[in-house]
Protein backbone atom coordinates (compact mmCIF):
# COMPACT_ATOMS: atom_id res chain seq x y z
CA MET A 1 -111.81 -6.80 59.65
CA THR A 2 -111.76 -9.99 61.66
CA THR A 3 -110.47 -10.59 65.18
CA ARG A 4 -107.90 -13.23 65.97
CA ILE A 5 -109.10 -15.51 68.77
CA THR A 6 -106.29 -17.57 70.25
CA HIS A 7 -105.46 -19.91 73.10
CA LEU A 8 -104.91 -18.81 76.69
CA ILE A 9 -102.17 -20.90 78.27
CA GLY A 10 -100.49 -20.14 81.56
CA GLY A 11 -102.54 -16.98 81.95
CA ARG A 12 -101.29 -15.45 78.68
CA PRO A 13 -102.49 -15.40 75.07
CA TRP A 14 -100.57 -17.79 72.86
CA GLU A 15 -98.08 -15.92 70.69
CA GLY A 16 -97.31 -18.61 68.15
CA THR A 17 -98.42 -18.93 64.55
CA SER A 18 -101.23 -21.38 63.87
CA GLU A 19 -101.15 -23.56 60.79
CA ARG A 20 -104.92 -23.99 60.95
CA ALA A 21 -107.75 -21.64 61.88
CA GLY A 22 -111.54 -21.62 61.75
CA ASP A 23 -114.05 -18.91 60.90
CA VAL A 24 -116.31 -17.32 63.49
CA HIS A 25 -119.48 -15.63 62.22
CA ASN A 26 -122.17 -13.32 63.46
CA PRO A 27 -125.23 -15.50 62.75
CA ALA A 28 -127.52 -12.47 62.46
CA THR A 29 -125.54 -11.03 59.54
CA GLY A 30 -123.68 -13.99 58.14
CA ALA A 31 -120.48 -11.93 58.27
CA ARG A 32 -117.18 -13.45 59.31
CA THR A 33 -116.10 -11.64 62.47
CA GLY A 34 -113.18 -13.70 63.70
CA ARG A 35 -110.58 -16.36 63.03
CA VAL A 36 -109.96 -18.85 65.81
CA ASP A 37 -106.64 -20.68 66.04
CA LEU A 38 -107.00 -24.48 66.02
CA ALA A 39 -104.53 -26.29 68.23
CA SER A 40 -102.30 -29.12 67.11
CA ALA A 41 -101.73 -32.17 69.30
CA ASP A 42 -98.30 -30.76 70.20
CA LEU A 43 -99.80 -27.50 71.42
CA VAL A 44 -102.35 -29.40 73.50
CA GLY A 45 -99.42 -31.23 75.04
CA GLN A 46 -97.78 -27.93 75.94
CA ALA A 47 -101.00 -26.72 77.57
CA VAL A 48 -101.30 -29.94 79.57
CA ALA A 49 -97.69 -29.63 80.73
CA THR A 50 -98.36 -26.05 81.85
CA ALA A 51 -101.48 -27.14 83.73
CA LYS A 52 -99.67 -30.05 85.37
CA ALA A 53 -96.87 -27.79 86.59
CA ALA A 54 -99.39 -25.35 88.07
CA TRP A 55 -101.56 -28.06 89.59
CA THR A 56 -99.15 -29.16 92.32
CA GLY A 57 -99.13 -25.75 93.97
CA TRP A 58 -102.85 -25.20 93.58
CA ALA A 59 -103.72 -28.63 95.01
CA GLY A 60 -101.73 -27.70 98.10
CA THR A 61 -103.48 -24.35 98.47
CA SER A 62 -105.70 -24.06 101.54
CA LEU A 63 -109.45 -24.36 101.20
CA ALA A 64 -109.75 -20.88 102.67
CA ARG A 65 -107.60 -19.40 99.89
CA ARG A 66 -109.40 -21.39 97.19
CA ALA A 67 -112.74 -20.08 98.47
CA GLN A 68 -111.42 -16.52 98.34
CA VAL A 69 -110.53 -16.96 94.66
CA LEU A 70 -113.96 -18.48 93.97
CA PHE A 71 -115.74 -15.58 95.66
CA ALA A 72 -113.65 -13.07 93.70
CA PHE A 73 -114.41 -14.87 90.43
CA ARG A 74 -118.11 -14.90 91.28
CA GLU A 75 -118.10 -11.15 91.87
CA LEU A 76 -116.20 -10.44 88.65
CA LEU A 77 -118.50 -12.67 86.60
CA ASN A 78 -121.55 -10.98 88.05
CA ALA A 79 -120.11 -7.54 87.26
CA ARG A 80 -119.21 -8.53 83.67
CA LYS A 81 -122.19 -10.73 82.87
CA HIS A 82 -123.63 -8.25 80.37
CA GLU A 83 -120.32 -8.19 78.49
CA ILE A 84 -120.22 -12.00 78.39
CA ALA A 85 -123.83 -12.09 77.21
CA ALA A 86 -123.02 -9.68 74.37
CA LEU A 87 -120.18 -11.96 73.23
CA ILE A 88 -122.56 -14.93 73.21
CA THR A 89 -125.15 -13.10 71.13
CA ALA A 90 -122.51 -11.91 68.68
CA GLU A 91 -121.20 -15.42 67.99
CA HIS A 92 -124.06 -17.78 68.82
CA GLY A 93 -127.02 -15.62 67.82
CA LYS A 94 -129.34 -16.15 70.78
CA VAL A 95 -131.13 -13.02 71.94
CA LEU A 96 -129.47 -10.92 74.64
CA ASP A 97 -131.98 -11.75 77.37
CA ASP A 98 -131.46 -15.45 76.75
CA ALA A 99 -127.68 -15.04 76.76
CA LEU A 100 -127.86 -13.15 80.04
CA GLY A 101 -130.00 -15.92 81.51
CA GLU A 102 -127.37 -18.44 80.46
CA VAL A 103 -124.61 -16.57 82.26
CA THR A 104 -126.80 -16.16 85.33
CA ARG A 105 -127.50 -19.90 85.57
CA GLY A 106 -123.78 -20.58 85.26
CA LEU A 107 -123.13 -18.00 87.95
CA GLU A 108 -125.21 -20.13 90.32
CA VAL A 109 -122.68 -22.96 89.97
CA ALA A 110 -119.84 -20.58 90.80
CA GLU A 111 -121.78 -19.59 93.91
CA PHE A 112 -122.21 -23.27 94.82
CA ALA A 113 -118.47 -23.85 94.41
CA CYS A 114 -117.75 -21.02 96.87
CA GLY A 115 -118.87 -23.45 99.58
CA ILE A 116 -116.02 -25.84 98.82
CA PRO A 117 -114.67 -25.94 102.41
CA HIS A 118 -117.95 -27.55 103.46
CA LEU A 119 -118.34 -29.67 100.33
CA LEU A 120 -114.96 -31.36 100.81
CA LYS A 121 -115.52 -32.37 104.42
CA GLY A 122 -114.65 -36.02 105.00
CA GLY A 123 -115.84 -38.50 107.58
CA PHE A 124 -114.17 -39.62 110.82
CA SER A 125 -114.73 -42.67 112.99
CA GLU A 126 -112.89 -42.77 116.31
CA ASN A 127 -111.75 -46.01 117.95
CA VAL A 128 -113.04 -48.42 115.29
CA SER A 129 -110.59 -50.83 116.90
CA THR A 130 -108.61 -50.25 120.05
CA ARG A 131 -107.00 -46.82 119.63
CA VAL A 132 -107.47 -47.05 115.85
CA ASP A 133 -109.22 -44.22 113.98
CA VAL A 134 -110.44 -44.28 110.37
CA TYR A 135 -111.22 -41.23 108.32
CA SER A 136 -111.95 -40.34 104.70
CA ILE A 137 -110.63 -37.47 102.62
CA ARG A 138 -111.19 -36.32 99.05
CA GLN A 139 -108.30 -35.12 96.93
CA PRO A 140 -108.11 -33.49 93.47
CA VAL A 141 -107.53 -35.75 90.48
CA GLY A 142 -105.01 -33.50 88.68
CA VAL A 143 -105.35 -32.02 85.19
CA VAL A 144 -108.92 -32.20 83.89
CA ALA A 145 -110.35 -31.37 80.46
CA VAL A 146 -113.68 -29.69 79.79
CA ILE A 147 -115.01 -29.98 76.22
CA SER A 148 -118.05 -27.74 75.81
CA PRO A 149 -120.64 -27.24 73.03
CA PHE A 150 -121.66 -24.22 70.98
CA ASN A 151 -125.19 -23.86 72.34
CA PHE A 152 -124.19 -22.70 75.84
CA PRO A 153 -120.70 -21.20 75.48
CA ALA A 154 -120.77 -19.77 79.02
CA MET A 155 -123.15 -21.90 81.08
CA VAL A 156 -121.76 -25.34 80.23
CA PRO A 157 -118.13 -24.42 81.04
CA LEU A 158 -119.45 -22.92 84.27
CA TRP A 159 -121.10 -26.25 85.14
CA PHE A 160 -117.65 -27.80 85.43
CA VAL A 161 -114.80 -25.31 85.72
CA PRO A 162 -115.60 -23.62 89.08
CA ILE A 163 -116.11 -26.96 90.82
CA ALA A 164 -113.00 -28.50 89.25
CA ILE A 165 -110.88 -25.52 90.32
CA ALA A 166 -112.43 -25.33 93.78
CA CYS A 167 -111.57 -29.01 94.30
CA GLY A 168 -107.91 -28.24 93.58
CA ASN A 169 -107.56 -29.32 89.96
CA ALA A 170 -106.03 -27.58 86.93
CA VAL A 171 -108.27 -27.18 83.88
CA ILE A 172 -107.92 -27.28 80.10
CA LEU A 173 -111.12 -25.88 78.55
CA LYS A 174 -111.77 -26.69 74.89
CA PRO A 175 -114.76 -24.55 73.87
CA SER A 176 -116.65 -24.84 70.61
CA GLU A 177 -114.77 -23.27 67.75
CA LYS A 178 -118.09 -21.74 66.56
CA ASP A 179 -118.38 -19.29 69.49
CA PRO A 180 -115.16 -19.30 71.53
CA SER A 181 -114.90 -15.72 72.81
CA ALA A 182 -117.03 -16.12 75.95
CA ALA A 183 -114.72 -18.88 77.20
CA VAL A 184 -111.64 -16.71 76.75
CA ALA A 185 -113.30 -13.77 78.51
CA MET A 186 -114.26 -15.93 81.50
CA ALA A 187 -110.76 -17.43 81.67
CA ARG A 188 -109.33 -13.92 81.99
CA LEU A 189 -111.65 -13.32 84.94
CA TRP A 190 -110.04 -16.23 86.77
CA THR A 191 -106.65 -14.57 86.44
CA GLU A 192 -108.10 -11.29 87.67
CA ALA A 193 -109.62 -13.15 90.62
CA GLY A 194 -106.16 -14.26 91.74
CA LEU A 195 -106.01 -17.81 90.37
CA PRO A 196 -102.37 -18.78 89.76
CA ASP A 197 -101.27 -18.86 86.12
CA GLY A 198 -101.65 -22.25 84.50
CA VAL A 199 -104.52 -23.51 86.64
CA MET A 200 -107.08 -22.34 84.06
CA ASN A 201 -106.24 -22.68 80.36
CA VAL A 202 -108.22 -22.40 77.12
CA VAL A 203 -107.26 -24.36 74.02
CA HIS A 204 -109.29 -23.99 70.84
CA GLY A 205 -109.53 -26.74 68.31
CA ASP A 206 -111.36 -29.48 66.48
CA LYS A 207 -111.07 -33.27 66.54
CA GLU A 208 -107.27 -33.18 66.67
CA ALA A 209 -107.34 -31.19 69.90
CA VAL A 210 -110.10 -33.34 71.38
CA ASP A 211 -108.26 -36.57 70.59
CA ALA A 212 -105.08 -35.16 72.11
CA LEU A 213 -106.94 -34.43 75.36
CA LEU A 214 -108.62 -37.84 75.40
CA THR A 215 -105.36 -39.72 74.98
CA HIS A 216 -102.85 -37.59 76.90
CA PRO A 217 -101.58 -39.55 79.92
CA ASP A 218 -101.54 -36.49 82.18
CA VAL A 219 -105.22 -35.65 81.65
CA ARG A 220 -106.99 -37.52 84.42
CA ALA A 221 -110.66 -36.66 83.82
CA VAL A 222 -112.84 -35.38 80.99
CA SER A 223 -116.18 -33.58 81.11
CA PHE A 224 -118.05 -33.32 77.82
CA VAL A 225 -121.39 -32.02 76.54
CA GLY A 226 -122.50 -32.53 72.94
CA SER A 227 -124.29 -34.88 70.58
CA THR A 228 -124.80 -38.54 71.46
CA PRO A 229 -122.46 -39.99 68.79
CA ILE A 230 -119.61 -37.74 69.92
CA ALA A 231 -120.42 -38.30 73.61
CA ARG A 232 -120.13 -42.06 73.04
CA TYR A 233 -116.82 -41.57 71.24
CA VAL A 234 -115.46 -39.33 74.00
CA TYR A 235 -116.50 -41.80 76.68
CA GLU A 236 -115.11 -44.85 74.93
CA THR A 237 -111.83 -43.18 73.95
CA GLY A 238 -111.27 -41.48 77.29
CA THR A 239 -112.02 -44.53 79.41
CA ALA A 240 -109.87 -46.70 77.14
CA HIS A 241 -106.99 -44.40 78.08
CA GLY A 242 -107.62 -44.71 81.80
CA LYS A 243 -109.60 -41.52 82.40
CA ARG A 244 -112.80 -40.96 84.29
CA VAL A 245 -115.32 -39.47 81.87
CA GLN A 246 -118.72 -37.81 82.15
CA ALA A 247 -120.11 -37.37 78.65
CA LEU A 248 -123.52 -35.76 78.36
CA GLY A 249 -125.15 -36.52 75.01
CA GLY A 250 -128.17 -35.56 72.96
CA ALA A 251 -131.86 -35.45 73.71
CA LYS A 252 -135.37 -35.80 72.37
CA ASN A 253 -137.41 -34.23 75.12
CA HIS A 254 -141.13 -35.00 75.35
CA MET A 255 -143.87 -32.98 77.00
CA LEU A 256 -146.94 -35.06 77.87
CA VAL A 257 -150.19 -33.07 78.05
CA LEU A 258 -153.17 -34.66 79.81
CA PRO A 259 -156.82 -33.62 79.22
CA ASP A 260 -157.10 -31.78 82.55
CA ALA A 261 -154.14 -29.46 81.88
CA ASP A 262 -154.58 -25.69 81.67
CA LEU A 263 -154.21 -25.36 77.90
CA ASP A 264 -153.31 -21.67 77.93
CA LEU A 265 -150.42 -22.23 80.32
CA THR A 266 -149.46 -25.36 78.41
CA ALA A 267 -149.40 -23.54 75.08
CA ASP A 268 -147.21 -20.79 76.56
CA ALA A 269 -144.83 -23.41 77.93
CA ALA A 270 -144.66 -25.35 74.67
CA VAL A 271 -143.74 -22.24 72.69
CA ASN A 272 -141.21 -21.07 75.26
CA ALA A 273 -139.55 -24.48 75.58
CA GLY A 274 -139.70 -25.34 71.89
CA PHE A 275 -138.40 -22.13 70.36
CA GLY A 276 -136.24 -20.47 73.01
CA SER A 277 -132.67 -20.09 71.74
CA ALA A 278 -133.97 -21.28 68.33
CA GLY A 279 -134.41 -24.76 69.79
CA GLU A 280 -130.64 -25.12 70.19
CA ARG A 281 -130.91 -26.45 73.73
CA CYS A 282 -130.38 -29.98 74.96
CA MET A 283 -133.39 -29.38 77.22
CA ALA A 284 -135.67 -27.97 74.50
CA ILE A 285 -139.07 -29.59 74.08
CA SER A 286 -139.20 -31.03 70.58
CA ALA A 287 -141.97 -33.65 70.93
CA LEU A 288 -145.31 -32.50 72.30
CA VAL A 289 -147.31 -35.61 73.25
CA ALA A 290 -150.97 -34.59 73.44
CA VAL A 291 -153.92 -36.75 74.41
CA ASP A 292 -156.36 -36.81 71.47
CA THR A 293 -159.26 -35.08 73.20
CA ILE A 294 -157.38 -31.81 73.66
CA ALA A 295 -154.90 -31.99 70.77
CA ASP A 296 -156.86 -29.84 68.30
CA ALA A 297 -157.44 -27.05 70.82
CA LEU A 298 -153.82 -27.12 71.98
CA VAL A 299 -152.43 -26.95 68.45
CA GLU A 300 -154.59 -23.92 67.71
CA LYS A 301 -153.42 -22.14 70.85
CA ILE A 302 -149.77 -22.83 70.01
CA LYS A 303 -150.28 -21.68 66.43
CA ASP A 304 -151.87 -18.45 67.65
CA ARG A 305 -148.93 -17.72 69.94
CA MET A 306 -146.38 -18.47 67.24
CA ARG A 307 -147.87 -15.70 65.07
CA LYS A 308 -146.79 -13.20 67.72
CA LEU A 309 -143.14 -14.25 67.78
CA ARG A 310 -140.53 -12.02 66.20
CA THR A 311 -137.43 -13.68 64.79
CA GLY A 312 -134.38 -11.55 64.14
CA ASP A 313 -131.14 -10.04 65.35
CA GLY A 314 -130.62 -10.86 69.03
CA THR A 315 -129.63 -7.27 69.81
CA ARG A 316 -132.96 -5.84 68.60
CA GLY A 317 -135.29 -7.14 71.28
CA CYS A 318 -136.56 -10.06 69.20
CA ASP A 319 -138.03 -13.23 70.68
CA MET A 320 -135.81 -15.66 68.78
CA GLY A 321 -132.52 -15.28 66.97
CA PRO A 322 -130.88 -17.07 64.04
CA LEU A 323 -129.30 -20.51 64.02
CA VAL A 324 -125.61 -20.73 64.79
CA THR A 325 -124.29 -21.39 61.26
CA GLY A 326 -125.58 -21.47 57.71
CA GLN A 327 -124.77 -25.17 57.50
CA HIS A 328 -126.85 -25.93 60.58
CA ARG A 329 -129.72 -23.78 59.30
CA ASP A 330 -129.74 -25.79 56.07
CA LYS A 331 -129.71 -29.06 58.01
CA VAL A 332 -132.73 -28.04 60.08
CA ALA A 333 -134.55 -26.83 56.95
CA GLY A 334 -133.86 -30.27 55.48
CA TYR A 335 -135.80 -31.83 58.36
CA VAL A 336 -138.77 -29.62 57.50
CA GLU A 337 -138.66 -31.03 53.97
CA ALA A 338 -138.37 -34.55 55.36
CA GLY A 339 -141.37 -34.06 57.65
CA LEU A 340 -143.51 -33.04 54.72
CA ALA A 341 -142.31 -35.94 52.61
CA GLU A 342 -143.03 -38.42 55.41
CA GLY A 343 -146.64 -37.25 55.79
CA ALA A 344 -146.65 -34.93 58.78
CA SER A 345 -148.97 -31.89 58.71
CA LEU A 346 -147.00 -28.65 58.49
CA VAL A 347 -149.01 -26.17 60.57
CA VAL A 348 -146.46 -23.31 60.64
CA ASP A 349 -143.59 -23.19 58.15
CA GLY A 350 -140.57 -21.38 59.62
CA ARG A 351 -138.80 -21.25 56.28
CA ASP A 352 -141.13 -18.47 55.23
CA GLY A 353 -140.99 -15.39 57.34
CA ASP A 354 -140.17 -11.73 57.74
CA PHE A 355 -136.94 -11.77 59.72
CA ASP A 356 -135.76 -8.68 61.57
CA GLY A 357 -132.14 -8.90 60.51
CA ASP A 358 -129.67 -8.92 57.68
CA GLU A 359 -130.78 -10.98 54.69
CA ASP A 360 -127.55 -12.98 54.92
CA GLY A 361 -128.30 -14.12 58.47
CA PHE A 362 -128.86 -17.79 59.24
CA TRP A 363 -132.63 -17.59 59.56
CA LEU A 364 -135.27 -20.22 60.18
CA GLY A 365 -138.41 -19.29 62.04
CA PRO A 366 -140.45 -21.34 64.53
CA THR A 367 -141.94 -24.40 62.83
CA LEU A 368 -144.86 -26.58 63.97
CA PHE A 369 -145.77 -30.06 62.77
CA ASP A 370 -148.91 -32.01 63.68
CA ASP A 371 -149.81 -35.69 63.15
CA VAL A 372 -146.21 -36.78 63.68
CA THR A 373 -145.58 -40.50 64.19
CA PRO A 374 -142.61 -42.28 65.80
CA GLY A 375 -141.37 -43.59 62.45
CA MET A 376 -140.68 -40.10 61.05
CA SER A 377 -137.19 -38.62 61.10
CA ILE A 378 -138.47 -35.40 62.67
CA TYR A 379 -139.49 -37.53 65.65
CA ARG A 380 -136.51 -39.91 65.76
CA ASP A 381 -133.66 -37.43 65.36
CA GLU A 382 -132.40 -34.63 67.55
CA ILE A 383 -133.03 -31.73 65.17
CA PHE A 384 -131.56 -29.05 67.45
CA GLY A 385 -133.60 -26.31 65.86
CA PRO A 386 -136.95 -24.50 66.20
CA VAL A 387 -139.09 -27.46 65.09
CA LEU A 388 -141.89 -28.64 67.41
CA SER A 389 -143.64 -31.92 66.60
CA VAL A 390 -147.08 -32.83 67.95
CA VAL A 391 -147.62 -36.55 68.51
CA ARG A 392 -151.17 -37.62 69.38
CA VAL A 393 -151.89 -40.42 71.85
CA LYS A 394 -155.05 -41.91 73.30
CA SER A 395 -154.06 -41.96 76.97
CA TYR A 396 -151.50 -41.35 79.68
CA ASP A 397 -150.32 -44.94 79.40
CA GLU A 398 -149.70 -44.66 75.65
CA GLY A 399 -147.84 -41.38 76.13
CA LEU A 400 -145.68 -42.81 78.91
CA ALA A 401 -144.83 -45.88 76.83
CA LEU A 402 -143.82 -43.63 73.92
CA ILE A 403 -141.45 -41.61 76.11
CA ASN A 404 -139.91 -44.67 77.75
CA ALA A 405 -139.33 -46.34 74.39
CA ASN A 406 -137.26 -43.41 73.16
CA PRO A 407 -133.49 -44.02 73.20
CA TYR A 408 -132.88 -40.60 74.78
CA GLY A 409 -133.62 -39.77 78.40
CA ASN A 410 -132.43 -36.25 79.10
CA GLY A 411 -135.48 -34.21 80.12
CA THR A 412 -139.24 -34.56 80.06
CA ALA A 413 -142.33 -32.80 81.38
CA ILE A 414 -145.96 -33.51 82.17
CA PHE A 415 -148.70 -30.90 82.19
CA THR A 416 -151.68 -31.80 84.35
CA ASN A 417 -153.72 -30.68 87.34
CA ASP A 418 -153.94 -34.25 88.62
CA GLY A 419 -151.46 -34.72 91.46
CA GLY A 420 -151.80 -38.48 91.32
CA ALA A 421 -150.97 -38.61 87.63
CA ALA A 422 -148.00 -36.30 88.16
CA ARG A 423 -146.63 -38.43 90.99
CA ARG A 424 -147.09 -41.57 88.95
CA PHE A 425 -145.28 -39.96 86.01
CA GLN A 426 -142.26 -38.86 88.03
CA ASN A 427 -141.94 -42.42 89.35
CA GLU A 428 -142.52 -44.31 86.09
CA VAL A 429 -140.83 -42.19 83.43
CA GLU A 430 -137.31 -43.33 82.44
CA VAL A 431 -135.74 -39.90 82.11
CA GLY A 432 -133.12 -38.16 84.24
CA MET A 433 -134.79 -34.76 84.70
CA VAL A 434 -138.56 -34.39 85.09
CA GLY A 435 -140.74 -31.30 85.06
CA ILE A 436 -144.25 -31.17 86.49
CA ASN A 437 -145.92 -28.19 84.84
CA VAL A 438 -142.34 -27.00 84.22
CA PRO A 439 -141.35 -27.36 80.56
CA ILE A 440 -137.55 -27.13 80.96
CA PRO A 441 -136.63 -28.83 84.25
CA VAL A 442 -133.04 -27.61 84.49
CA PRO A 443 -132.01 -28.22 88.12
CA VAL A 444 -130.54 -25.55 90.35
CA SER A 445 -126.81 -25.74 90.98
CA HIS A 446 -126.95 -27.79 94.20
CA TYR A 447 -128.75 -30.60 92.34
CA SER A 448 -127.07 -32.51 89.55
CA PHE A 449 -127.75 -32.11 85.83
CA GLY A 450 -127.84 -35.25 83.72
CA GLY A 451 -129.97 -37.65 81.73
CA TRP A 452 -130.42 -41.37 81.31
CA LYS A 453 -129.98 -43.83 78.45
CA ASN A 454 -128.25 -42.36 75.37
CA SER A 455 -128.21 -38.92 76.95
CA LEU A 456 -125.38 -39.78 79.35
CA PHE A 457 -122.26 -41.90 79.12
CA GLY A 458 -120.65 -42.44 82.50
CA ASP A 459 -122.10 -42.61 85.97
CA THR A 460 -121.74 -39.02 87.13
CA HIS A 461 -123.96 -36.05 86.35
CA ALA A 462 -122.81 -32.44 86.13
CA HIS A 463 -122.44 -29.98 89.04
CA GLY A 464 -123.94 -30.36 92.49
CA THR A 465 -122.30 -32.81 94.88
CA GLU A 466 -121.88 -35.27 92.00
CA GLY A 467 -119.57 -32.74 90.38
CA VAL A 468 -117.51 -32.50 93.55
CA HIS A 469 -117.15 -36.28 93.63
CA PHE A 470 -116.23 -36.42 89.94
CA PHE A 471 -113.39 -33.95 90.33
CA THR A 472 -111.97 -35.61 93.47
CA ARG A 473 -110.78 -39.07 94.48
CA GLY A 474 -111.64 -40.68 97.78
CA LYS A 475 -108.96 -41.85 100.16
CA VAL A 476 -109.43 -43.68 103.47
CA VAL A 477 -106.80 -43.43 106.19
CA THR A 478 -106.51 -45.91 109.07
CA SER A 479 -104.49 -44.41 111.89
CA ARG A 480 -103.00 -45.70 115.16
CA TRP A 481 -100.36 -43.77 117.07
CA LEU A 482 -97.59 -45.78 118.69
CA ASP A 483 -98.54 -47.57 121.87
CA PRO A 484 -96.11 -50.00 123.59
CA SER A 485 -98.96 -52.36 124.40
CA HIS A 486 -99.38 -53.10 120.65
CA GLY A 487 -95.76 -54.05 120.03
CA GLY A 488 -94.48 -57.46 118.99
CA LEU A 489 -94.82 -59.69 115.95
CA ASN A 490 -98.20 -60.90 114.70
CA LEU A 491 -98.57 -62.13 111.12
CA GLY A 492 -102.30 -62.74 111.41
CA PHE A 493 -104.85 -60.68 109.50
CA PRO A 494 -105.83 -57.66 111.67
CA GLN A 495 -109.02 -58.21 113.68
CA ASN A 496 -111.22 -55.48 115.06
CA ASP A 497 -111.03 -55.91 118.78
């Protein structure tokens, strides 16, 4: 039997009949476990109208009351985080510990948003001119859309939704149709926390739903995370229709290893960052840039660690789970074939393995290539799977030039014991998030998350104070209370006196 997964509009499940639906699978078994309703443009319009009607009241709600709802949501999410993690594993495939970590990192953003009374403080200047005061305020933008990807079905929505709601907006969340249940479960927590109906809505769908959100005149802002081609499309379409857009795109994250690095710690980090969540992370390390003198030793250490990894069902205590769909598994396997054909050395072949799970699961084990060059597709493309490529360079300068020449600029890392080299790297590398002996430099919630170059379209990163600014508009008020001494006619331009 399969479960129907439907929209949540105005605090209630949608009761209509959908003309289109998509399949949801358990990646560890290959079995179809659900059918998700796919929204039409008309239904998206109904959801936007519901959100707009609810927004007026919520925007006028006091900061104290908003904070109370945020605190209640935070407590509920913390209490139910294991349930949310189980939903993620059942539909995405990542192992339970990884899914729990995802929810926990998202929880940090909800905690950050609880401080909204402080975050929305404006500025005030008294007597800028005689008896004239000027002050700034920030106000919500209205109805906002959040379009989130399959790889983090809880964490990415949590990057945006708590801050958007705390700032006084109403939200339409369009989760991935591959693993939608976590989004619905979290939306229900908002209702339980006391959020008025209609402020938080979930609409499932594909391109039709996305296009409806991008073009609807009452949607004022759009937050998106996904591949670079779609991020570019979302940004161009949304801005063409007068919306502010933050569209976070793809990545090809490099880890530069210098000769003085601790190779044991580096090998651990490369395996963790390359194969965690089956490489389906926008911050995964996929290109290991090793200086020649230590490359052989490092490859051997990584290979040795990969032998110890267990790939299988995420509920069985394995290290790595399956890929999200059979189609994606086949695509990643195709890159392994391409790497061989293009002349890379296949050190560990993840297509062959003993997987701890159903034979119909979407399996591909950790894969390691050596002698990869920039002209190969396994280097150029974002594979989004458990494929780690070793690129050999002669020096720091060659490695830095390689990273800066890449069209992506999401995350990067350097492994070294040389503080001078590390400081030089953080200054010279053209990437938005930098790790120094940290392989996945995902910032904490009070710093922003976002890349450079083709990894971000728009000027604003996710969460942190940049998130607060994205979901609000600035307004400056110039105020003078009536004073008889300032009466009379004067058509001249006001002067500060």
